[in-house]
Amino acid sequence: MSNDPLHGKTLQTIVEQLVDFYGFDTLGELIKIKCFNENPSVKSSLTFLRKTDWARKKVEDLYIKTLPKLS
């Protein structure tokens, strides 16, 4: 069994769970990237995050920090 909390999670699942929990407004405050602040959608966010390693890392880190509150 993997200890990696991201194991088996798609980026889409991660983004959708964060959006459900925080909403785009709060996500945009926590992670200052355009795809969360200007006409946000899961689809546009995924497109950006798949191309942008530093932003994806921030999203994954926030997800790991948020996990205890999600369960």
C-alpha atoms as a PDB file:
ATOM      1  CA  MET A   1       0.000   0.000   0.000  1.00  0.00           C
ATOM      2  CA  SER A   2       1.324   3.420  -0.955  1.00  0.00           C
ATOM      3  CA  ASN A   3       1.840   6.114   1.666  1.00  0.00           C
ATOM      4  CA  ASP A   4       1.576   8.754  -1.053  1.00  0.00           C
ATOM      5  CA  PRO A   5      -1.777  10.532  -0.573  1.00  0.00           C
ATOM      6  CA  LEU A   6      -1.733  11.412  -4.278  1.00  0.00           C
ATOM      7  CA  HIS A   7      -1.358   7.773  -5.332  1.00  0.00           C
ATOM      8  CA  GLY A   8      -4.192   6.779  -7.651  1.00  0.00           C
ATOM      9  CA  LYS A   9      -5.633  10.302  -7.740  1.00  0.00           C
ATOM     10  CA  THR A  10      -5.972  12.023 -11.079  1.00  0.00           C
ATOM     11  CA  LEU A  11      -5.272  15.717 -11.330  1.00  0.00           C
ATOM     12  CA  GLN A  12      -8.923  16.155 -12.278  1.00  0.00           C
ATOM     13  CA  THR A  13     -10.086  14.436  -9.066  1.00  0.00           C
ATOM     14  CA  ILE A  14      -7.746  16.615  -7.008  1.00  0.00           C
ATOM     15  CA  VAL A  15      -8.920  19.861  -8.636  1.00  0.00           C
ATOM     16  CA  GLU A  16     -12.600  18.873  -8.391  1.00  0.00           C
ATOM     17  CA  GLN A  17     -12.303  18.003  -4.696  1.00  0.00           C
ATOM     18  CA  LEU A  18     -10.500  21.278  -3.953  1.00  0.00           C
ATOM     19  CA  VAL A  19     -13.103  23.280  -5.895  1.00  0.00           C
ATOM     20  CA  ASP A  20     -15.926  21.480  -4.060  1.00  0.00           C
ATOM     21  CA  PHE A  21     -14.284  22.181  -0.716  1.00  0.00           C
ATOM     22  CA  TYR A  22     -12.979  25.738  -1.187  1.00  0.00           C
ATOM     23  CA  GLY A  23     -14.699  27.119  -4.271  1.00  0.00           C
ATOM     24  CA  PHE A  24     -12.707  28.956  -6.937  1.00  0.00           C
ATOM     25  CA  ASP A  25     -12.713  32.253  -4.967  1.00  0.00           C
ATOM     26  CA  THR A  26     -10.834  30.803  -2.016  1.00  0.00           C
ATOM     27  CA  LEU A  27      -8.656  28.601  -4.221  1.00  0.00           C
ATOM     28  CA  GLY A  28      -7.619  31.718  -6.131  1.00  0.00           C
ATOM     29  CA  GLU A  29      -6.617  33.377  -2.870  1.00  0.00           C
ATOM     30  CA  LEU A  30      -4.688  30.335  -1.651  1.00  0.00           C
ATOM     31  CA  ILE A  31      -2.952  29.714  -4.981  1.00  0.00           C
ATOM     32  CA  LYS A  32      -2.522  32.860  -7.034  1.00  0.00           C
ATOM     33  CA  ILE A  33      -2.862  31.551 -10.564  1.00  0.00           C
ATOM     34  CA  LYS A  34      -4.990  32.991 -13.344  1.00  0.00           C
ATOM     35  CA  CYS A  35      -6.923  29.800 -14.033  1.00  0.00           C
ATOM     36  CA  PHE A  36      -8.479  30.014 -10.548  1.00  0.00           C
ATOM     37  CA  ASN A  37      -9.146  33.760 -10.678  1.00  0.00           C
ATOM     38  CA  GLU A  38     -10.237  34.606 -14.231  1.00  0.00           C
ATOM     39  CA  ASN A  39     -13.203  32.707 -15.694  1.00  0.00           C
ATOM     40  CA  PRO A  40     -12.292  29.642 -13.651  1.00  0.00           C
ATOM     41  CA  SER A  41     -13.339  26.173 -14.723  1.00  0.00           C
ATOM     42  CA  VAL A  42     -12.028  22.732 -13.921  1.00  0.00           C
ATOM     43  CA  LYS A  43     -11.242  22.203 -17.617  1.00  0.00           C
ATOM     44  CA  SER A  44      -9.146  25.372 -18.016  1.00  0.00           C
ATOM     45  CA  SER A  45      -7.409  24.717 -14.708  1.00  0.00           C
ATOM     46  CA  LEU A  46      -6.451  21.192 -15.790  1.00  0.00           C
ATOM     47  CA  THR A  47      -5.070  22.460 -19.091  1.00  0.00           C
ATOM     48  CA  PHE A  48      -2.875  24.988 -17.265  1.00  0.00           C
ATOM     49  CA  LEU A  49      -1.791  22.684 -14.448  1.00  0.00           C
ATOM     50  CA  ARG A  50      -0.770  19.874 -16.805  1.00  0.00           C
ATOM     51  CA  LYS A  51       1.655  22.269 -18.500  1.00  0.00           C
ATOM     52  CA  THR A  52       2.889  24.106 -15.410  1.00  0.00           C
ATOM     53  CA  ASP A  53       4.821  22.030 -12.893  1.00  0.00           C
ATOM     54  CA  TRP A  54       5.206  24.676 -10.154  1.00  0.00           C
ATOM     55  CA  ALA A  55       1.469  25.394 -10.147  1.00  0.00           C
ATOM     56  CA  ARG A  56       0.578  21.712 -10.137  1.00  0.00           C
ATOM     57  CA  LYS A  57       2.901  21.197  -7.168  1.00  0.00           C
ATOM     58  CA  LYS A  58       1.110  23.969  -5.248  1.00  0.00           C
ATOM     59  CA  VAL A  59      -2.258  22.389  -5.991  1.00  0.00           C
ATOM     60  CA  GLU A  60      -1.020  18.960  -4.908  1.00  0.00           C
ATOM     61  CA  ASP A  61       0.486  20.388  -1.702  1.00  0.00           C
ATOM     62  CA  LEU A  62      -2.781  22.155  -0.870  1.00  0.00           C
ATOM     63  CA  TYR A  63      -4.680  18.941  -1.544  1.00  0.00           C
ATOM     64  CA  ILE A  64      -2.437  17.008   0.866  1.00  0.00           C
ATOM     65  CA  LYS A  65      -2.961  19.707   3.526  1.00  0.00           C
ATOM     66  CA  THR A  66      -6.722  19.644   2.918  1.00  0.00           C
ATOM     67  CA  LEU A  67      -7.150  15.855   2.932  1.00  0.00           C
ATOM     68  CA  PRO A  68      -7.850  15.561   6.681  1.00  0.00           C
ATOM     69  CA  LYS A  69     -10.756  17.997   6.260  1.00  0.00           C
ATOM     70  CA  LEU A  70     -12.131  16.124   3.242  1.00  0.00           C
ATOM     71  CA  SER A  71     -12.714  12.820   4.984  1.00  0.00           C
END
